[in-house]
Amino acid sequence: MEDISNFVLIARTGSLTRSAVVSGVPKATLSHSIHRLENLLEVELSSGPRRGCT
């Protein structure tokens, strides 16, 4: 459920960096949340560049 909440936060703020600042959650944690959701749902949820997430 936390992964979905993080995804919604990123969608609302429009960026991973802004989401990290607003929530106090590290960008790496948010990025991993998105990656887990993408793997679970078997879809790409973001269109930005992938740096460090494999």
Protein backbone atom coordinates (compact mmCIF):
# COMPACT_ATOMS: atom_id res chain seq x y z
CA MET A 1 0.00 0.00 0.00
CA GLU A 2 2.92 2.34 0.72
CA ASP A 3 4.14 1.90 -2.86
CA ILE A 4 0.78 3.10 -4.19
CA SER A 5 0.80 6.08 -1.81
CA ASN A 6 4.29 6.99 -3.00
CA PHE A 7 3.18 6.73 -6.63
CA VAL A 8 0.20 9.02 -5.98
CA LEU A 9 2.46 11.53 -4.23
CA ILE A 10 4.87 11.58 -7.17
CA ALA A 11 1.99 11.99 -9.60
CA ARG A 12 0.54 14.89 -7.57
CA THR A 13 3.81 16.76 -7.12
CA GLY A 14 5.02 16.06 -10.63
CA SER A 15 8.53 15.00 -9.68
CA LEU A 16 10.48 12.57 -7.60
CA THR A 17 12.59 15.36 -6.10
CA ARG A 18 9.57 17.42 -5.02
CA SER A 19 7.95 14.32 -3.58
CA ALA A 20 11.05 13.59 -1.53
CA VAL A 21 11.12 17.15 -0.18
CA VAL A 22 7.41 17.21 0.65
CA SER A 23 7.30 13.78 2.26
CA GLY A 24 10.75 13.57 3.80
CA VAL A 25 11.18 10.19 2.12
CA PRO A 26 14.51 9.73 0.31
CA LYS A 27 14.39 9.81 -3.49
CA ALA A 28 15.91 6.33 -3.61
CA THR A 29 13.06 4.95 -1.50
CA LEU A 30 10.46 6.57 -3.75
CA SER A 31 12.22 5.27 -6.83
CA HIS A 32 12.29 1.73 -5.44
CA SER A 33 8.57 1.98 -4.67
CA ILE A 34 7.84 2.84 -8.29
CA HIS A 35 10.07 0.04 -9.50
CA ARG A 36 8.29 -2.50 -7.27
CA LEU A 37 4.89 -1.36 -8.56
CA GLU A 38 6.08 -1.59 -12.16
CA ASN A 39 7.29 -5.14 -11.58
CA LEU A 40 4.10 -6.12 -9.80
CA LEU A 41 1.81 -4.63 -12.44
CA GLU A 42 4.11 -5.43 -15.37
CA VAL A 43 3.76 -1.90 -16.75
CA GLU A 44 5.97 1.18 -16.98
CA LEU A 45 4.57 3.87 -14.70
CA SER A 46 7.10 6.61 -15.37
CA SER A 47 8.48 8.06 -18.54
CA GLY A 48 11.57 9.73 -17.06
CA PRO A 49 15.11 8.48 -17.37
CA ARG A 50 16.11 5.43 -15.39
CA ARG A 51 19.23 6.05 -13.40
CA GLY A 52 20.44 3.32 -11.12
CA CYS A 53 17.23 1.30 -11.04
CA THR A 54 17.57 -2.10 -12.64
